[in-house]
Amino acid sequence: MQALRKQIKESFFNPILHLLPLLLFLVVDDFFGMGMAWKVTFPIALVLLIYVYFVYNRIFTWHLIFTILFVAISVIAGLEKLLPFRIVNNALVYEVVLLTFLMVFIIFRKRIQKIITGIISSLIPMSNNFDELYKVIWVLSIVLASYVASFALVHALVKKDVLYLQFLQNLTVGVLIVFSVYEILRVQIIRTKLIKEEWWPIVSNQGKIIGSVQHFTSLNDAKKYMHPVVRVILIDKSMVLMRKRPHDDTEFPGLWDTSFSNHVRMGESIETCVDRSAEENYALNNFKYMYLTNYTVENKNEKQYAFLFVSCLQTSYNLNQNMPSHTKWWTQRQIEDNLNDGIFSENFKMEFDLLLRSGLLETGKCECNCRLRDVIYQQSNAIKKADLN
């Protein structure tokens, strides 16, 4: 769960935190002057940088870029005396400089995103962060542009403009504060909602976790991610327990499949997933099983890194009392007679072939604590040697 929380926080890092020193400098500069703005804002920017380094280390480079940007904008705005022109007595120098940088970001968005993606690891969920930041920058640009235009217009048309300008200044600061609070609350609500949803790990072809994605997003994304799944075959007296998938199933609609299977959740171990699935599907506690093998497979929605387990049932399980609908025991002969009739999932066909080679169905017996491992590995090694020859 801790890994999931960290992944979500990195995927939805509040963009206001990137821009907080810039906004804080603007407010303090307007009310107390640029000298005070430097004294107040730079220590806060440093503390925020240290905070991101230790708490969100993987996006530290991304935040460091904005810290450097803040320093550059503040220094440029501080050189107001060197400007060859005056902007309303240079009262809007910082706003104009900041607005210019924001507009450059908007105009060259794709190019900047490409550069940032090249700098930061592709494993970091930066796409969402970049989109969120882009939206915030658009809003800030509109607010600043409206403030600068209104300030210049009032200063030019109204002789006694002090009250009007003060009102515009207070209004703009109020809008920025309200918007910042809104963004903080919005991002927090999104994080809370995502943590409650089911997230699946994304693994490499070697089974190493390289990221995560919300399960609904994965199933509806054009890009196929590889997720770890567990699949368990229940055997009893030379029979295999099969379950028929519902017709609206995303993987094998309407087909007979292995006893039970499930996606591994983010932060969940393989063993915990097997235990959870046994409890959810058949109310099995203290479930005993043995690892058989792993393989990769691809269906219309995703790629799967499957961990296959076998369990030889014991009478103490009382399985028949807890069997869900659309499940039944199949003999080896029944499976073989219907194997090419299109009623079984492709995954189960591969798994059934492995069961036949292991000899488990012929004997109808296996000792899950010891002999099963030896039997399976002996058969697997023999298969590998035969394939090499």
Protein backbone atom coordinates (compact mmCIF):
# COMPACT_ATOMS: atom_id res chain seq x y z
CA MET A 1 0.00 0.00 0.00
CA GLN A 2 2.89 2.34 0.77
CA ALA A 3 4.33 1.80 -2.70
CA LEU A 4 0.91 2.49 -4.20
CA ARG A 5 0.53 5.74 -2.26
CA LYS A 6 3.95 6.88 -3.39
CA GLN A 7 3.20 6.02 -7.00
CA ILE A 8 -0.07 7.96 -6.90
CA LYS A 9 1.55 10.98 -5.26
CA GLU A 10 4.25 11.02 -7.92
CA SER A 11 1.65 10.66 -10.67
CA PHE A 12 -0.44 13.51 -9.24
CA PHE A 13 2.13 15.86 -7.77
CA ASN A 14 0.38 19.14 -7.02
CA PRO A 15 1.51 21.61 -9.73
CA ILE A 16 0.95 24.51 -7.32
CA LEU A 17 3.98 23.32 -5.33
CA HIS A 18 6.15 23.83 -8.42
CA LEU A 19 4.85 27.38 -8.82
CA LEU A 20 4.48 28.29 -5.14
CA PRO A 21 7.75 30.29 -4.86
CA LEU A 22 6.83 32.25 -8.01
CA LEU A 23 3.35 33.09 -6.73
CA LEU A 24 4.56 33.87 -3.22
CA PHE A 25 7.24 36.20 -4.60
CA LEU A 26 4.58 38.01 -6.64
CA VAL A 27 2.31 38.60 -3.62
CA VAL A 28 5.06 39.71 -1.23
CA ASP A 29 6.59 41.96 -3.90
CA ASP A 30 3.26 43.74 -4.51
CA PHE A 31 2.62 44.44 -0.83
CA PHE A 32 6.07 44.72 0.77
CA GLY A 33 8.55 45.27 -2.05
CA MET A 34 11.05 43.13 -3.90
CA GLY A 35 13.65 43.18 -1.14
CA MET A 36 11.25 41.57 1.31
CA ALA A 37 10.08 39.15 -1.38
CA TRP A 38 13.60 37.82 -1.77
CA LYS A 39 14.08 37.42 1.99
CA VAL A 40 10.79 35.57 2.45
CA THR A 41 10.56 33.48 -0.71
CA PHE A 42 14.08 32.12 -1.26
CA PRO A 43 14.24 30.22 2.09
CA ILE A 44 10.81 28.74 1.35
CA ALA A 45 11.96 27.68 -2.12
CA LEU A 46 15.02 25.99 -0.59
CA VAL A 47 12.94 24.14 2.04
CA LEU A 48 10.50 23.01 -0.64
CA LEU A 49 13.40 21.76 -2.78
CA ILE A 50 14.78 19.71 0.12
CA TYR A 51 11.30 18.36 0.87
CA VAL A 52 10.82 17.15 -2.71
CA TYR A 53 14.29 15.60 -2.74
CA PHE A 54 13.60 13.39 0.28
CA VAL A 55 9.88 12.68 -0.22
CA TYR A 56 9.53 12.67 -4.04
CA ASN A 57 13.07 11.86 -5.09
CA ARG A 58 12.12 10.51 -8.53
CA ILE A 59 10.66 13.87 -9.61
CA PHE A 60 13.35 15.98 -7.95
CA THR A 61 14.90 16.93 -11.31
CA TRP A 62 11.49 18.11 -12.54
CA HIS A 63 11.03 20.33 -9.46
CA LEU A 64 14.62 21.57 -9.63
CA ILE A 65 13.91 22.98 -13.08
CA PHE A 66 11.14 25.16 -11.65
CA THR A 67 13.34 26.28 -8.77
CA ILE A 68 15.97 27.43 -11.27
CA LEU A 69 13.22 29.10 -13.28
CA PHE A 70 12.02 30.93 -10.15
CA VAL A 71 15.51 32.23 -9.43
CA ALA A 72 15.95 33.37 -13.04
CA ILE A 73 12.62 35.23 -13.12
CA SER A 74 13.30 36.90 -9.76
CA VAL A 75 16.76 38.04 -10.83
CA ILE A 76 15.48 39.38 -14.16
CA ALA A 77 12.66 41.24 -12.42
CA GLY A 78 15.19 42.69 -9.97
CA LEU A 79 17.06 44.36 -12.84
CA GLU A 80 14.18 46.79 -13.40
CA LYS A 81 16.48 49.79 -13.26
CA LEU A 82 18.34 48.51 -16.30
CA LEU A 83 15.18 48.35 -18.42
CA PRO A 84 15.27 50.77 -21.37
CA PHE A 85 11.57 51.58 -20.78
CA ARG A 86 9.17 52.00 -17.89
CA ILE A 87 6.10 49.86 -17.36
CA VAL A 88 3.65 51.87 -15.24
CA ASN A 89 6.55 53.07 -13.12
CA ASN A 90 7.91 49.53 -13.24
CA ALA A 91 5.15 48.41 -10.87
CA LEU A 92 4.39 45.40 -13.07
CA VAL A 93 7.90 44.27 -13.90
CA TYR A 94 7.68 40.92 -12.06
CA GLU A 95 4.20 40.19 -13.40
CA VAL A 96 5.27 40.93 -16.97
CA VAL A 97 8.43 38.80 -16.70
CA LEU A 98 6.51 35.89 -15.13
CA LEU A 99 3.75 36.15 -17.73
CA THR A 100 6.36 36.07 -20.50
CA PHE A 101 7.88 32.85 -19.16
CA LEU A 102 4.45 31.25 -18.80
CA MET A 103 3.54 32.15 -22.37
CA VAL A 104 6.83 30.67 -23.62
CA PHE A 105 5.94 27.45 -21.79
CA ILE A 106 2.52 27.36 -23.46
CA ILE A 107 3.82 28.13 -26.95
CA PHE A 108 6.67 25.62 -26.83
CA ARG A 109 4.83 23.03 -24.76
CA LYS A 110 5.52 20.00 -26.97
CA ARG A 111 9.19 20.82 -27.38
CA ILE A 112 9.66 21.39 -23.65
CA GLN A 113 7.83 18.16 -22.83
CA LYS A 114 10.07 16.23 -25.20
CA ILE A 115 13.19 17.67 -23.56
CA ILE A 116 11.91 16.95 -20.04
CA THR A 117 10.97 13.39 -20.98
CA GLY A 118 14.50 12.88 -22.26
CA ILE A 119 16.01 14.16 -19.02
CA ILE A 120 13.76 12.27 -16.62
CA SER A 121 13.42 8.49 -16.63
CA SER A 122 10.59 7.15 -18.74
CA LEU A 123 9.52 5.07 -15.73
CA ILE A 124 8.37 8.24 -13.96
CA PRO A 125 4.69 9.04 -14.57
CA MET A 126 5.48 12.51 -15.95
CA SER A 127 2.79 12.68 -18.63
CA ASN A 128 0.01 13.38 -16.16
CA ASN A 129 2.17 15.82 -14.19
CA PHE A 130 2.94 17.75 -17.33
CA ASP A 131 -0.72 17.92 -18.37
CA GLU A 132 -1.78 19.10 -14.91
CA LEU A 133 0.91 21.75 -14.87
CA TYR A 134 -0.08 22.91 -18.33
CA LYS A 135 -3.67 23.49 -17.18
CA VAL A 136 -2.53 25.46 -14.13
CA ILE A 137 -0.16 27.60 -16.20
CA TRP A 138 -3.00 28.44 -18.57
CA VAL A 139 -5.16 29.69 -15.69
CA LEU A 140 -2.30 31.69 -14.17
CA SER A 141 -1.51 33.23 -17.54
CA ILE A 142 -5.10 34.37 -17.97
CA VAL A 143 -5.18 35.85 -14.45
CA LEU A 144 -1.86 37.67 -14.88
CA ALA A 145 -2.71 38.94 -18.36
CA SER A 146 -6.03 40.28 -17.11
CA TYR A 147 -4.32 41.96 -14.15
CA VAL A 148 -1.58 43.59 -16.25
CA ALA A 149 -4.05 44.85 -18.87
CA SER A 150 -6.49 46.19 -16.26
CA PHE A 151 -3.71 47.80 -14.22
CA ALA A 152 -2.28 49.58 -17.26
CA LEU A 153 -5.74 50.71 -18.43
CA VAL A 154 -6.75 52.10 -15.04
CA HIS A 155 -3.41 53.85 -14.63
CA ALA A 156 -3.78 55.47 -18.05
CA LEU A 157 -7.42 56.56 -17.80
CA VAL A 158 -8.06 57.34 -14.14
CA LYS A 159 -6.22 60.28 -12.62
CA LYS A 160 -6.74 59.35 -8.98
CA ASP A 161 -5.95 55.73 -9.50
CA VAL A 162 -4.58 54.59 -6.14
CA LEU A 163 -7.81 53.03 -4.85
CA TYR A 164 -8.59 51.39 -8.17
CA LEU A 165 -5.10 49.93 -8.51
CA GLN A 166 -5.17 48.70 -4.92
CA PHE A 167 -8.52 47.03 -5.59
CA LEU A 168 -7.15 45.30 -8.69
CA GLN A 169 -4.12 44.15 -6.75
CA ASN A 170 -6.19 42.74 -3.88
CA LEU A 171 -8.61 41.11 -6.30
CA THR A 172 -5.79 39.39 -8.20
CA VAL A 173 -4.14 38.13 -5.02
CA GLY A 174 -7.51 36.84 -3.81
CA VAL A 175 -8.08 34.98 -7.07
CA LEU A 176 -4.62 33.40 -6.88
CA ILE A 177 -5.17 32.28 -3.28
CA VAL A 178 -8.61 30.81 -4.04
CA PHE A 179 -7.26 29.02 -7.12
CA SER A 180 -4.29 27.62 -5.18
CA VAL A 181 -6.54 26.28 -2.41
CA TYR A 182 -8.86 24.80 -5.03
CA GLU A 183 -5.96 23.00 -6.74
CA ILE A 184 -4.66 21.62 -3.44
CA LEU A 185 -8.09 20.25 -2.53
CA ARG A 186 -8.72 18.90 -6.04
CA VAL A 187 -5.44 17.01 -6.20
CA GLN A 188 -5.97 15.60 -2.71
CA ILE A 189 -9.45 14.38 -3.64
CA ILE A 190 -8.05 12.72 -6.78
CA ARG A 191 -5.33 11.00 -4.76
CA THR A 192 -7.81 9.73 -2.18
CA LYS A 193 -10.11 8.42 -4.90
CA LEU A 194 -7.30 6.64 -6.72
CA ILE A 195 -5.98 4.99 -3.57
CA LYS A 196 -9.43 3.46 -3.03
CA GLU A 197 -9.47 2.11 -6.58
CA GLU A 198 -7.67 -1.03 -7.71
CA TRP A 199 -4.22 -0.47 -9.23
CA TRP A 200 -2.23 -3.07 -11.12
CA PRO A 201 1.57 -3.24 -11.30
CA ILE A 202 3.20 -2.90 -14.70
CA VAL A 203 6.03 -5.40 -15.15
CA SER A 204 8.77 -5.96 -17.69
CA ASN A 205 9.22 -9.12 -19.75
CA GLN A 206 11.35 -10.42 -16.88
CA GLY A 207 8.58 -9.82 -14.31
CA LYS A 208 10.19 -6.77 -12.70
CA ILE A 209 7.80 -4.03 -11.55
CA ILE A 210 8.40 -0.83 -13.54
CA GLY A 211 5.24 1.13 -12.81
CA SER A 212 1.52 0.91 -12.10
CA VAL A 213 -1.80 1.90 -13.65
CA GLN A 214 -5.43 2.02 -12.54
CA HIS A 215 -7.07 -1.20 -13.72
CA PHE A 216 -9.93 0.47 -15.61
CA THR A 217 -7.46 2.71 -17.44
CA SER A 218 -5.33 -0.29 -18.39
CA LEU A 219 -8.25 -2.23 -19.84
CA ASN A 220 -9.39 0.73 -21.93
CA ASP A 221 -6.01 2.07 -23.02
CA ALA A 222 -4.87 1.45 -26.57
CA LYS A 223 -1.44 0.61 -25.20
CA LYS A 224 -1.18 -2.88 -23.74
CA TYR A 225 0.58 -3.08 -20.38
CA MET A 226 1.95 -6.29 -18.90
CA HIS A 227 0.45 -7.17 -15.52
CA PRO A 228 1.26 -10.01 -13.11
CA VAL A 229 -1.58 -12.50 -12.57
CA VAL A 230 -1.94 -15.68 -10.56
CA ARG A 231 -3.68 -18.76 -11.95
CA VAL A 232 -4.47 -21.80 -9.81
CA ILE A 233 -5.50 -25.28 -10.96
CA LEU A 234 -7.42 -27.38 -8.43
CA ILE A 235 -7.07 -31.17 -8.85
CA ASP A 236 -8.97 -33.88 -7.05
CA LYS A 237 -9.11 -37.60 -7.95
CA SER A 238 -7.78 -37.06 -11.49
CA MET A 239 -10.34 -34.32 -12.13
CA VAL A 240 -9.84 -30.61 -12.72
CA LEU A 241 -12.17 -27.97 -11.35
CA MET A 242 -13.17 -25.58 -14.14
CA ARG A 243 -15.16 -22.37 -14.08
CA LYS A 244 -17.05 -20.77 -16.93
CA ARG A 245 -16.28 -17.11 -17.48
CA PRO A 246 -19.27 -14.70 -17.70
CA HIS A 247 -20.21 -13.47 -21.16
CA ASP A 248 -19.15 -9.90 -20.30
CA ASP A 249 -15.71 -10.99 -19.12
CA THR A 250 -12.83 -8.87 -20.44
CA GLU A 251 -10.46 -11.82 -20.99
CA PHE A 252 -12.28 -15.02 -22.00
CA PRO A 253 -16.01 -14.29 -22.28
CA GLY A 254 -18.15 -17.40 -22.14
CA LEU A 255 -15.18 -19.83 -22.08
CA TRP A 256 -14.20 -22.47 -19.57
CA ASP A 257 -11.03 -21.53 -17.74
CA THR A 258 -8.78 -22.67 -14.92
CA SER A 259 -10.12 -23.02 -11.37
CA PHE A 260 -9.48 -19.41 -10.44
CA SER A 261 -7.23 -16.53 -11.40
CA ASN A 262 -6.73 -12.93 -10.39
CA HIS A 263 -4.65 -9.83 -11.02
CA VAL A 264 -1.99 -9.00 -8.47
CA ARG A 265 -2.69 -5.62 -6.91
CA MET A 266 -0.10 -2.91 -6.46
CA GLY A 267 1.82 -3.57 -3.24
CA GLU A 268 0.50 -7.15 -2.98
CA SER A 269 2.73 -10.22 -3.01
CA ILE A 270 2.06 -13.21 -5.26
CA GLU A 271 1.29 -15.43 -2.27
CA THR A 272 -1.10 -12.88 -0.77
CA CYS A 273 -2.93 -12.64 -4.09
CA VAL A 274 -3.35 -16.45 -4.22
CA ASP A 275 -4.67 -16.55 -0.67
CA ARG A 276 -7.05 -13.67 -1.31
CA SER A 277 -8.34 -15.24 -4.52
CA ALA A 278 -8.90 -18.64 -2.85
CA GLU A 279 -10.92 -16.93 -0.13
CA GLU A 280 -12.92 -14.79 -2.55
CA ASN A 281 -13.76 -17.58 -4.99
CA TYR A 282 -14.20 -20.67 -2.81
CA ALA A 283 -14.01 -19.46 0.82
CA LEU A 284 -10.80 -21.48 1.25
CA ASN A 285 -8.65 -20.72 4.29
CA ASN A 286 -5.15 -22.06 4.99
CA PHE A 287 -5.01 -22.90 1.31
CA LYS A 288 -2.09 -25.14 0.30
CA TYR A 289 -0.64 -24.91 -3.18
CA MET A 290 2.59 -25.36 -5.12
CA TYR A 291 4.24 -23.17 -7.71
CA LEU A 292 4.26 -24.78 -11.16
CA THR A 293 5.71 -22.31 -13.64
CA ASN A 294 5.28 -18.85 -15.12
CA TYR A 295 4.63 -17.70 -18.68
CA THR A 296 3.63 -14.61 -20.64
CA VAL A 297 0.50 -14.29 -22.74
CA GLU A 298 -1.34 -11.51 -24.56
CA ASN A 299 -5.08 -11.00 -25.02
CA LYS A 300 -7.11 -8.24 -26.62
CA ASN A 301 -6.79 -5.89 -23.63
CA GLU A 302 -3.45 -6.55 -21.98
CA LYS A 303 -0.33 -8.65 -21.63
CA GLN A 304 -0.02 -10.97 -18.66
CA TYR A 305 2.91 -12.33 -16.72
CA ALA A 306 1.17 -15.41 -15.30
CA PHE A 307 2.25 -17.33 -12.20
CA LEU A 308 0.72 -20.81 -12.36
CA PHE A 309 0.02 -22.86 -9.23
CA VAL A 310 -1.46 -26.31 -8.61
CA SER A 311 -3.32 -27.54 -5.56
CA CYS A 312 -4.35 -31.10 -4.79
CA LEU A 313 -7.51 -30.74 -2.74
CA GLN A 314 -8.04 -32.32 0.63
CA THR A 315 -11.42 -33.37 2.01
CA SER A 316 -11.06 -30.85 4.85
CA TYR A 317 -11.59 -28.05 2.38
CA ASN A 318 -15.32 -28.86 1.95
CA LEU A 319 -15.06 -27.24 -1.44
CA ASN A 320 -18.38 -28.47 -2.81
CA GLN A 321 -20.25 -26.48 -0.18
CA ASN A 322 -18.71 -23.21 -1.36
CA MET A 323 -18.50 -23.72 -5.10
CA PRO A 324 -19.88 -20.74 -7.04
CA SER A 325 -22.20 -21.18 -10.00
CA HIS A 326 -20.80 -22.03 -13.44
CA THR A 327 -18.11 -24.32 -12.00
CA LYS A 328 -17.82 -28.09 -12.34
CA TRP A 329 -15.35 -30.94 -12.21
CA TRP A 330 -13.97 -32.20 -15.54
CA THR A 331 -12.26 -35.53 -16.08
CA GLN A 332 -9.18 -35.76 -18.26
CA ARG A 333 -11.20 -37.59 -20.92
CA GLN A 334 -13.91 -34.89 -20.98
CA ILE A 335 -11.33 -32.14 -21.40
CA GLU A 336 -9.50 -33.98 -24.18
CA ASP A 337 -12.74 -34.68 -26.07
CA ASN A 338 -13.67 -30.98 -26.06
CA LEU A 339 -10.22 -29.43 -26.23
CA ASN A 340 -10.53 -28.29 -29.86
CA ASP A 341 -14.18 -27.24 -29.72
CA GLY A 342 -13.42 -23.63 -28.79
CA ILE A 343 -14.95 -23.80 -25.33
CA PHE A 344 -11.67 -23.48 -23.36
CA SER A 345 -9.47 -20.42 -22.93
CA GLU A 346 -6.10 -20.42 -24.68
CA ASN A 347 -4.41 -20.06 -21.31
CA PHE A 348 -5.98 -23.25 -19.99
CA LYS A 349 -5.01 -25.20 -23.12
CA MET A 350 -1.34 -24.44 -22.42
CA GLU A 351 -1.76 -25.22 -18.74
CA PHE A 352 -3.57 -28.50 -19.45
CA ASP A 353 -0.72 -29.63 -21.69
CA LEU A 354 1.71 -29.02 -18.86
CA LEU A 355 -0.49 -31.00 -16.48
CA LEU A 356 -0.51 -33.97 -18.86
CA ARG A 357 3.26 -33.94 -19.14
CA SER A 358 3.64 -33.78 -15.36
CA GLY A 359 1.61 -36.97 -14.89
CA LEU A 360 -0.45 -35.48 -12.07
CA LEU A 361 -3.80 -36.25 -13.68
CA GLU A 362 -2.90 -39.88 -14.38
CA THR A 363 -2.06 -40.69 -10.78
CA GLY A 364 -4.69 -38.41 -9.27
CA LYS A 365 -2.40 -37.89 -6.31
CA CYS A 366 0.24 -35.40 -5.32
CA GLU A 367 1.85 -34.27 -2.12
CA CYS A 368 1.76 -30.48 -2.20
CA ASN A 369 4.46 -30.14 0.44
CA CYS A 370 7.19 -32.05 -1.34
CA ARG A 371 6.63 -34.48 -4.23
CA LEU A 372 4.75 -32.07 -6.48
CA ARG A 373 7.73 -29.78 -6.84
CA ASP A 374 10.02 -32.67 -7.74
CA VAL A 375 7.57 -34.15 -10.22
CA ILE A 376 6.98 -30.85 -11.97
CA TYR A 377 10.61 -29.86 -12.17
CA GLN A 378 11.66 -33.28 -13.45
CA GLN A 379 9.05 -33.12 -16.19
CA SER A 380 9.92 -29.48 -17.02
CA ASN A 381 13.63 -30.29 -17.30
CA ALA A 382 12.85 -33.25 -19.52
CA ILE A 383 10.72 -31.04 -21.77
CA LYS A 384 13.48 -28.42 -22.00
CA LYS A 385 16.08 -31.05 -22.93
CA ALA A 386 13.79 -32.51 -25.56
CA ASP A 387 13.20 -29.07 -27.07
CA LEU A 388 16.96 -28.41 -27.20
CA ASN A 389 17.58 -31.69 -28.99
